Amino acid sequence: PAGQIVDRNGALLYSSDGQSASFAADEAVRRACYHVTGDTRGNVATGALRQFRDSLMGYSFVSGTSSGKTLRLTVDSSLNAVAYEALAGRDGAAILLDYTTGEILCMVSTPADDPQNPSAEPADGTYINKAIGASFVPGSVYKLVTLAAAIDNIPDLFERSFWCGGSAQLQGITLQCTGSHGSQTIEQALANSCNCAFGEIALELGYDVLLEYAEKLGITAQLELDGMEVRRGSLDWESEDMDIGLAWTGIGQHNDLVCPYALVRYVAAVANGGSVYEPTLLGHGELDPQTELLSAGTASKIASMMDYNVEAAYGEGTFPGLDAAAKTGTAEVGDGTSHAWMTGFLNDPEHPYAFVVLVEHAGGGRVNAGPVANALLQAAVAASPAQADAAQ
């Protein structure tokens, strides 16, 4: 289609006169923005060239012609390039958004291709935008969902002690933990990512409550991004699995699947006091009404506990110079490997960013997803108008 696509800063991502097309001059940017921009062959279903074609073409019903318009997206192509480089050739996805507006500042999926010089045989998964079009085993990042249900439904949650001896026996099957944590509070159990504690909580809550919160918080709901359907997650527990299956469900394993978009949308609500401005690539003319996912009190408690995670478990060196709150996940996928996750947000009114990073088959979340998240956050803070003003 004729027209231009630019990023939030006016950097050119695509240009066409209706006869021939060109993309960003920098190949790294072209690849990093591949799933946002799309390609001229229409292989990327989530690309702006397919999804926002009518807005780009600027068709006139009066003249019956299309001269092309400029479509400005909310993404910062330089941040996409940072995330793409930090993923370092590994498969995965990353999203960064402003939780006070819903604007998506970065959305990357790998593997990607060069739309200017497309591969004859692209890698498996190249055409899928994994940030919104795929779901994955979440591992311990899912404990944030179970935690919300526990805060709302277990009155004495914050007065309890949870015991962890390194494992728990359920119906003759061993539920292994990440360590032997002894007696711990719920805050410590989240920081320790304790399977024993969250398995116990899941059994007390029951499947119906877990399913209710998965739907309520958007994990299993049918979400949309600017009219595009987002891949739904799942929370599938069969009665014959009994307690062991239910415990693993609350921990983020078993048959749990989560789309990165749904997770960052939920975390954005946590950061924003319980409500979310629906994420967008096109921007809001005026801010739409917020969608309430949690009460302000529950959101505040989860946010405080995620902040404690960084302080007590991950260390200040994970996000140097940033006031970050986060949760990691190391999701076993059944083939001897694990997906690495990290999600969270900045406690910074001048840089209100929520993020999610997934690195497939990479191993531990903090070690593998953490550096990607840090690189992206550092670049976003450095590039923000507030930071530029401060530097002057």
Protein backbone atom coordinates (compact mmCIF):
# COMPACT_ATOMS: atom_id res chain seq x y z
CA PRO A 1 0.00 0.00 0.00
CA ALA A 2 1.01 3.60 -0.61
CA GLY A 3 1.95 5.64 2.42
CA GLN A 4 4.48 5.78 5.21
CA ILE A 5 4.85 4.11 8.59
CA VAL A 6 6.94 5.92 11.19
CA ASP A 7 7.76 5.25 14.82
CA ARG A 8 6.83 7.54 17.72
CA ASN A 9 9.83 9.78 16.98
CA GLY A 10 9.17 10.02 13.25
CA ALA A 11 11.82 7.49 12.21
CA LEU A 12 10.83 5.92 8.90
CA LEU A 13 9.89 2.24 9.06
CA TYR A 14 8.16 1.88 5.67
CA SER A 15 7.53 4.00 2.60
CA SER A 16 5.75 3.33 -0.67
CA ASP A 17 4.37 5.26 -3.61
CA GLY A 18 2.06 2.36 -4.41
CA GLN A 19 4.48 0.90 -6.95
CA SER A 20 7.61 0.10 -4.97
CA ALA A 21 8.33 -0.07 -1.25
CA SER A 22 11.29 0.45 1.04
CA PHE A 23 11.89 -0.06 4.75
CA ALA A 24 14.17 1.47 7.40
CA ALA A 25 17.71 2.11 6.25
CA ASP A 26 19.25 0.14 9.14
CA GLU A 27 18.93 -3.63 8.77
CA ALA A 28 18.98 -4.11 12.55
CA VAL A 29 15.94 -1.82 12.85
CA ARG A 30 14.18 -3.58 9.98
CA ARG A 31 14.58 -6.94 11.72
CA ALA A 32 13.75 -5.59 15.18
CA CYS A 33 10.52 -4.01 13.87
CA TYR A 34 9.63 -6.87 11.53
CA HIS A 35 6.56 -8.06 13.44
CA VAL A 36 5.34 -4.51 14.10
CA THR A 37 5.75 -3.24 10.54
CA GLY A 38 5.11 -6.47 8.65
CA ASP A 39 6.26 -7.25 5.12
CA THR A 40 4.97 -6.62 1.62
CA ARG A 41 4.12 -10.31 1.17
CA GLY A 42 1.64 -10.27 4.04
CA ASN A 43 3.37 -13.11 5.88
CA VAL A 44 3.21 -11.33 9.25
CA ALA A 45 -0.44 -11.24 10.27
CA THR A 46 0.17 -8.72 13.08
CA GLY A 47 2.11 -6.23 10.96
CA ALA A 48 0.83 -2.72 10.39
CA LEU A 49 0.94 -3.34 6.64
CA ARG A 50 -1.86 -5.88 7.05
CA GLN A 51 -3.69 -4.75 10.15
CA PHE A 52 -3.78 -1.01 9.50
CA ARG A 53 -3.76 -1.08 5.71
CA ASP A 54 -6.87 1.05 5.31
CA SER A 55 -5.52 3.80 7.57
CA LEU A 56 -2.22 3.74 5.73
CA MET A 57 -3.71 3.92 2.24
CA GLY A 58 -6.02 6.82 3.04
CA TYR A 59 -8.68 5.75 0.56
CA SER A 60 -11.04 8.53 -0.54
CA PHE A 61 -14.65 7.51 -1.08
CA VAL A 62 -15.17 10.77 -3.00
CA SER A 63 -12.45 10.36 -5.62
CA GLY A 64 -12.13 6.60 -5.38
CA THR A 65 -8.34 6.90 -5.13
CA SER A 66 -5.69 6.27 -2.53
CA SER A 67 -2.73 8.63 -2.19
CA GLY A 68 -1.25 7.16 0.96
CA LYS A 69 -0.95 8.61 4.44
CA THR A 70 1.56 8.62 7.26
CA LEU A 71 0.80 6.15 10.03
CA ARG A 72 2.59 6.90 13.29
CA LEU A 73 3.01 4.00 15.71
CA THR A 74 3.73 4.27 19.43
CA VAL A 75 6.85 2.08 19.29
CA ASP A 76 10.34 3.50 19.51
CA SER A 77 12.33 1.68 16.83
CA SER A 78 15.59 2.27 18.71
CA LEU A 79 14.19 0.41 21.74
CA ASN A 80 13.11 -2.44 19.48
CA ALA A 81 16.69 -2.58 18.22
CA VAL A 82 18.03 -2.72 21.79
CA ALA A 83 15.72 -5.58 22.73
CA TYR A 84 16.48 -7.45 19.52
CA GLU A 85 20.22 -7.15 20.12
CA ALA A 86 19.88 -8.20 23.77
CA LEU A 87 18.00 -11.36 22.76
CA ALA A 88 21.19 -12.19 20.85
CA GLY A 89 19.77 -14.60 18.32
CA ARG A 90 17.67 -16.53 20.83
CA ASP A 91 13.96 -17.11 20.24
CA GLY A 92 11.60 -15.10 22.40
CA ALA A 93 9.69 -11.88 22.85
CA ALA A 94 9.83 -8.57 24.68
CA ILE A 95 7.27 -5.84 25.36
CA LEU A 96 7.69 -2.48 27.07
CA LEU A 97 4.75 -0.14 27.63
CA ASP A 98 3.86 3.04 29.46
CA TYR A 99 1.41 1.92 32.13
CA THR A 100 -0.01 5.44 32.52
CA THR A 101 -1.14 5.60 28.88
CA GLY A 102 -1.10 2.03 27.53
CA GLU A 103 1.24 3.02 24.69
CA ILE A 104 3.49 0.15 23.61
CA LEU A 105 7.03 1.52 23.33
CA CYS A 106 8.70 -1.72 22.31
CA MET A 107 7.42 -5.01 20.91
CA VAL A 108 9.89 -7.54 19.55
CA SER A 109 9.57 -11.18 18.54
CA THR A 110 12.35 -13.50 17.44
CA PRO A 111 13.29 -15.03 15.11
CA ALA A 112 12.62 -12.23 12.65
CA ASP A 113 13.47 -11.51 9.03
CA ASP A 114 14.58 -8.58 6.91
CA PRO A 115 11.51 -7.29 5.02
CA GLN A 116 13.78 -5.51 2.54
CA ASN A 117 15.62 -8.74 1.66
CA PRO A 118 13.43 -11.62 2.83
CA SER A 119 14.95 -15.04 3.42
CA ALA A 120 14.16 -17.83 1.01
CA GLU A 121 13.84 -20.25 3.94
CA PRO A 122 13.14 -18.33 7.14
CA ALA A 123 13.59 -19.99 10.53
CA ASP A 124 10.61 -21.74 12.14
CA GLY A 125 8.37 -19.22 13.89
CA THR A 126 9.60 -16.23 11.91
CA TYR A 127 6.13 -15.14 10.83
CA ILE A 128 4.62 -15.44 14.32
CA ASN A 129 4.60 -12.40 16.58
CA LYS A 130 5.21 -14.27 19.83
CA ALA A 131 4.53 -11.16 21.88
CA ILE A 132 0.82 -11.37 21.04
CA GLY A 133 0.28 -14.44 18.88
CA ALA A 134 1.65 -17.32 20.96
CA SER A 135 1.38 -18.70 24.49
CA PHE A 136 4.03 -20.41 26.60
CA VAL A 137 4.48 -22.28 29.87
CA PRO A 138 4.87 -19.40 32.36
CA GLY A 139 6.60 -21.00 35.33
CA SER A 140 6.91 -18.83 38.41
CA VAL A 141 5.79 -15.54 36.85
CA TYR A 142 2.34 -17.12 37.12
CA LYS A 143 2.63 -16.95 40.91
CA LEU A 144 1.65 -13.30 40.54
CA VAL A 145 -1.78 -14.45 39.37
CA THR A 146 -2.14 -17.01 42.15
CA LEU A 147 -1.00 -14.33 44.59
CA ALA A 148 -3.82 -11.97 43.58
CA ALA A 149 -6.37 -14.71 44.20
CA ALA A 150 -4.78 -15.50 47.57
CA ILE A 151 -4.78 -11.87 48.74
CA ASP A 152 -8.48 -11.55 47.94
CA ASN A 153 -9.59 -14.93 49.30
CA ILE A 154 -7.35 -15.89 52.23
CA PRO A 155 -8.01 -13.40 55.05
CA ASP A 156 -4.98 -14.27 57.20
CA LEU A 157 -2.53 -14.64 54.32
CA PHE A 158 -0.09 -12.05 55.66
CA GLU A 159 -0.15 -13.48 59.20
CA ARG A 160 0.65 -17.03 58.12
CA SER A 161 3.91 -18.93 58.02
CA PHE A 162 4.56 -21.29 55.13
CA TRP A 163 6.90 -24.22 55.64
CA CYS A 164 9.24 -25.48 52.96
CA GLY A 165 11.54 -28.43 53.46
CA GLY A 166 12.61 -28.55 49.84
CA SER A 167 9.70 -30.67 48.66
CA ALA A 168 6.17 -31.77 49.52
CA GLN A 169 4.46 -35.11 49.08
CA LEU A 170 1.05 -35.05 47.40
CA GLN A 171 -0.67 -38.37 46.69
CA GLY A 172 2.66 -40.13 46.64
CA ILE A 173 4.17 -37.68 44.12
CA THR A 174 6.94 -35.28 45.08
CA LEU A 175 6.42 -31.57 44.52
CA GLN A 176 9.96 -30.25 44.23
CA CYS A 177 10.84 -26.73 45.30
CA THR A 178 13.55 -24.32 44.20
CA GLY A 179 15.28 -24.73 47.57
CA SER A 180 14.69 -25.53 51.22
CA HIS A 181 13.25 -22.29 52.56
CA GLY A 182 12.09 -23.26 56.04
CA SER A 183 9.47 -21.06 57.69
CA GLN A 184 8.58 -18.01 55.60
CA THR A 185 6.03 -15.24 55.19
CA ILE A 186 4.09 -14.82 51.97
CA GLU A 187 6.43 -11.96 51.00
CA GLN A 188 9.42 -14.24 51.50
CA ALA A 189 7.68 -17.11 49.71
CA LEU A 190 7.25 -14.95 46.58
CA ALA A 191 10.85 -13.73 46.74
CA ASN A 192 12.00 -17.33 47.19
CA SER A 193 9.62 -18.41 44.40
CA CYS A 194 8.65 -21.22 46.74
CA ASN A 195 6.73 -24.03 45.05
CA CYS A 196 5.73 -25.58 48.36
CA ALA A 197 4.07 -22.38 49.59
CA PHE A 198 2.27 -21.62 46.33
CA GLY A 199 1.28 -25.25 45.87
CA GLU A 200 -0.31 -25.11 49.32
CA ILE A 201 -2.08 -21.87 48.43
CA ALA A 202 -3.39 -23.32 45.16
CA LEU A 203 -4.86 -26.33 46.99
CA GLU A 204 -6.62 -24.06 49.46
CA LEU A 205 -8.02 -21.77 46.76
CA GLY A 206 -9.22 -24.60 44.50
CA TYR A 207 -9.44 -24.77 40.74
CA ASP A 208 -12.59 -22.67 40.38
CA VAL A 209 -10.99 -19.68 42.08
CA LEU A 210 -7.75 -20.07 40.12
CA LEU A 211 -9.73 -20.22 36.88
CA GLU A 212 -11.82 -17.20 37.90
CA TYR A 213 -8.72 -15.08 38.45
CA ALA A 214 -7.01 -16.29 35.28
CA GLU A 215 -10.02 -15.03 33.34
CA LYS A 216 -10.51 -11.87 35.41
CA LEU A 217 -6.88 -10.81 35.07
CA GLY A 218 -6.89 -11.46 31.32
CA ILE A 219 -4.67 -14.52 31.23
CA THR A 220 -7.30 -16.79 29.70
CA ALA A 221 -9.62 -14.05 28.38
CA GLN A 222 -9.91 -13.16 24.70
CA LEU A 223 -7.98 -9.89 24.51
CA GLU A 224 -7.44 -7.55 21.58
CA LEU A 225 -4.68 -5.15 20.61
CA ASP A 226 -5.98 -2.45 18.28
CA GLY A 227 -8.50 -4.90 16.84
CA MET A 228 -6.05 -7.82 16.59
CA GLU A 229 -6.92 -10.95 18.52
CA VAL A 230 -4.34 -11.88 21.14
CA ARG A 231 -3.53 -15.54 21.74
CA ARG A 232 -5.48 -16.78 24.75
CA GLY A 233 -3.71 -18.53 27.58
CA SER A 234 -5.05 -21.65 29.25
CA LEU A 235 -5.40 -23.12 32.71
CA ASP A 236 -6.33 -26.74 32.20
CA TRP A 237 -6.63 -28.96 35.25
CA GLU A 238 -8.32 -32.35 35.14
CA SER A 239 -9.97 -33.81 38.22
CA GLU A 240 -8.05 -37.04 37.84
CA ASP A 241 -4.82 -35.11 38.40
CA MET A 242 -6.04 -34.49 41.93
CA ASP A 243 -3.92 -32.39 44.29
CA ILE A 244 -0.57 -32.66 42.54
CA GLY A 245 -1.95 -31.26 39.28
CA LEU A 246 -3.78 -28.47 41.07
CA ALA A 247 -0.65 -27.53 43.01
CA TRP A 248 1.44 -27.35 39.84
CA THR A 249 -1.30 -25.29 38.17
CA GLY A 250 -1.03 -22.61 40.84
CA ILE A 251 2.75 -22.60 40.45
CA GLY A 252 2.63 -21.96 36.70
CA GLN A 253 3.47 -25.40 35.38
CA HIS A 254 1.22 -28.38 34.54
CA ASN A 255 -0.92 -27.30 31.54
CA ASP A 256 -0.63 -23.54 32.12
CA LEU A 257 0.00 -21.35 29.07
CA VAL A 258 0.36 -17.56 29.03
CA CYS A 259 0.77 -15.03 26.24
CA PRO A 260 3.46 -12.40 26.98
CA TYR A 261 1.00 -9.63 26.10
CA ALA A 262 -1.54 -10.81 28.68
CA LEU A 263 1.13 -10.95 31.37
CA VAL A 264 2.49 -7.45 30.78
CA ARG A 265 -1.07 -6.09 30.62
CA TYR A 266 -1.72 -7.58 34.06
CA VAL A 267 1.55 -6.27 35.50
CA ALA A 268 0.77 -2.82 34.08
CA ALA A 269 -2.46 -2.89 36.08
CA VAL A 270 -0.52 -3.81 39.23
CA ALA A 271 1.79 -0.84 38.64
CA ASN A 272 -1.11 1.49 37.86
CA GLY A 273 -3.11 0.88 41.03
CA GLY A 274 -5.21 -2.04 39.78
CA SER A 275 -6.52 -0.68 36.48
CA VAL A 276 -5.03 -0.75 33.00
CA TYR A 277 -5.22 1.53 30.02
CA GLU A 278 -5.66 -1.00 27.24
CA PRO A 279 -2.34 -1.30 25.39
CA THR A 280 -2.09 0.20 21.94
CA LEU A 281 0.28 0.56 19.00
CA LEU A 282 -1.77 3.39 17.48
CA GLY A 283 -2.12 5.60 20.54
CA HIS A 284 -5.20 6.99 22.23
CA GLY A 285 -6.59 10.27 21.01
CA GLU A 286 -7.84 10.79 24.51
CA LEU A 287 -7.19 8.18 27.14
CA ASP A 288 -9.86 5.51 27.09
CA PRO A 289 -11.53 4.48 30.32
CA GLN A 290 -9.36 2.15 32.34
CA THR A 291 -10.17 -1.53 32.78
CA GLU A 292 -10.13 -2.54 36.44
CA LEU A 293 -8.40 -5.86 37.02
CA LEU A 294 -7.66 -5.59 40.74
CA SER A 295 -8.63 -3.51 43.71
CA ALA A 296 -6.18 -0.73 44.55
CA GLY A 297 -5.36 -2.45 47.83
CA THR A 298 -4.52 -5.78 46.22
CA ALA A 299 -2.47 -4.08 43.50
CA SER A 300 -0.52 -2.13 46.11
CA LYS A 301 0.35 -5.28 48.05
CA ILE A 302 1.51 -7.14 44.95
CA ALA A 303 3.56 -4.14 43.80
CA SER A 304 5.25 -3.92 47.20
CA MET A 305 6.07 -7.63 47.13
CA MET A 306 7.51 -7.39 43.61
CA ASP A 307 9.68 -4.52 44.81
CA TYR A 308 10.86 -6.73 47.70
CA ASN A 309 11.74 -9.45 45.18
CA VAL A 310 14.36 -7.23 43.57
CA GLU A 311 15.71 -6.07 46.92
CA ALA A 312 15.85 -9.47 48.63
CA ALA A 313 16.25 -12.02 45.84
CA TYR A 314 17.62 -10.51 42.62
CA GLY A 315 19.93 -7.82 43.95
CA GLU A 316 20.43 -4.18 43.03
CA GLY A 317 22.84 -5.17 40.29
CA THR A 318 19.96 -6.64 38.27
CA PHE A 319 18.68 -3.14 37.43
CA PRO A 320 21.49 -0.75 38.40
CA GLY A 321 20.28 2.76 39.10
CA LEU A 322 16.62 1.85 38.54
CA ASP A 323 13.82 1.45 41.07
CA ALA A 324 12.40 -1.76 39.66
CA ALA A 325 9.84 -4.28 40.87
CA ALA A 326 9.88 -7.69 39.20
CA LYS A 327 9.21 -11.42 39.18
CA THR A 328 11.18 -14.08 37.37
CA GLY A 329 10.13 -17.44 36.00
CA THR A 330 11.99 -20.56 34.95
CA ALA A 331 9.37 -22.63 33.16
CA GLU A 332 10.07 -26.30 32.55
CA VAL A 333 8.77 -27.31 29.14
CA GLY A 334 9.15 -31.09 29.29
CA ASP A 335 12.16 -31.52 27.01
CA GLY A 336 14.85 -30.89 29.58
CA THR A 337 14.95 -27.15 28.90
CA SER A 338 13.25 -24.16 30.49
CA HIS A 339 11.85 -20.88 29.22
CA ALA A 340 13.33 -17.83 30.94
CA TRP A 341 10.86 -15.12 31.97
CA MET A 342 11.02 -11.78 33.72
CA THR A 343 8.21 -9.27 34.15
CA GLY A 344 7.82 -6.13 36.21
CA PHE A 345 7.79 -2.35 36.18
CA LEU A 346 9.62 0.78 37.30
CA ASN A 347 8.50 2.63 40.43
CA ASP A 348 9.20 5.93 38.72
CA PRO A 349 6.53 8.49 37.76
CA GLU A 350 8.84 9.98 35.10
CA HIS A 351 9.48 6.54 33.58
CA PRO A 352 6.29 4.53 34.12
CA TYR A 353 7.31 1.42 32.22
CA ALA A 354 6.00 -2.14 32.54
CA PHE A 355 7.80 -4.95 30.77
CA VAL A 356 7.89 -8.64 29.99
CA VAL A 357 10.75 -10.65 28.53
CA LEU A 358 10.61 -14.27 27.39
CA VAL A 359 13.65 -16.18 26.17
CA GLU A 360 12.73 -19.66 24.95
CA HIS A 361 14.71 -22.70 26.11
CA ALA A 362 17.26 -20.40 27.77
CA GLY A 363 17.28 -21.60 31.40
CA GLY A 364 16.94 -19.45 34.52
CA GLY A 365 14.80 -16.34 34.34
CA ARG A 366 17.00 -13.94 36.31
CA VAL A 367 20.21 -14.92 34.53
CA ASN A 368 18.81 -15.04 30.99
CA ALA A 369 15.73 -12.80 30.79
CA GLY A 370 16.99 -10.31 33.39
CA PRO A 371 19.81 -8.81 31.28
CA VAL A 372 17.43 -8.34 28.34
CA ALA A 373 14.95 -6.53 30.58
CA ASN A 374 17.68 -4.37 32.09
CA ALA A 375 19.11 -3.40 28.70
CA LEU A 376 15.65 -2.40 27.50
CA LEU A 377 14.78 -0.42 30.64
CA GLN A 378 18.12 1.39 30.72
CA ALA A 379 17.70 2.41 27.09
CA ALA A 380 14.09 3.52 27.64
CA VAL A 381 15.02 5.69 30.62
CA ALA A 382 17.97 7.21 28.77
CA ALA A 383 15.80 7.97 25.74
CA SER A 384 12.85 9.47 27.62
CA PRO A 385 12.04 13.19 27.34
CA ALA A 386 12.29 13.52 31.12
CA GLN A 387 15.85 12.20 31.07
CA ALA A 388 16.81 14.50 28.21
CA ASP A 389 15.46 17.51 30.10
CA ALA A 390 17.40 16.50 33.21
CA ALA A 391 20.62 16.16 31.18
CA GLN A 392 20.21 19.71 29.86
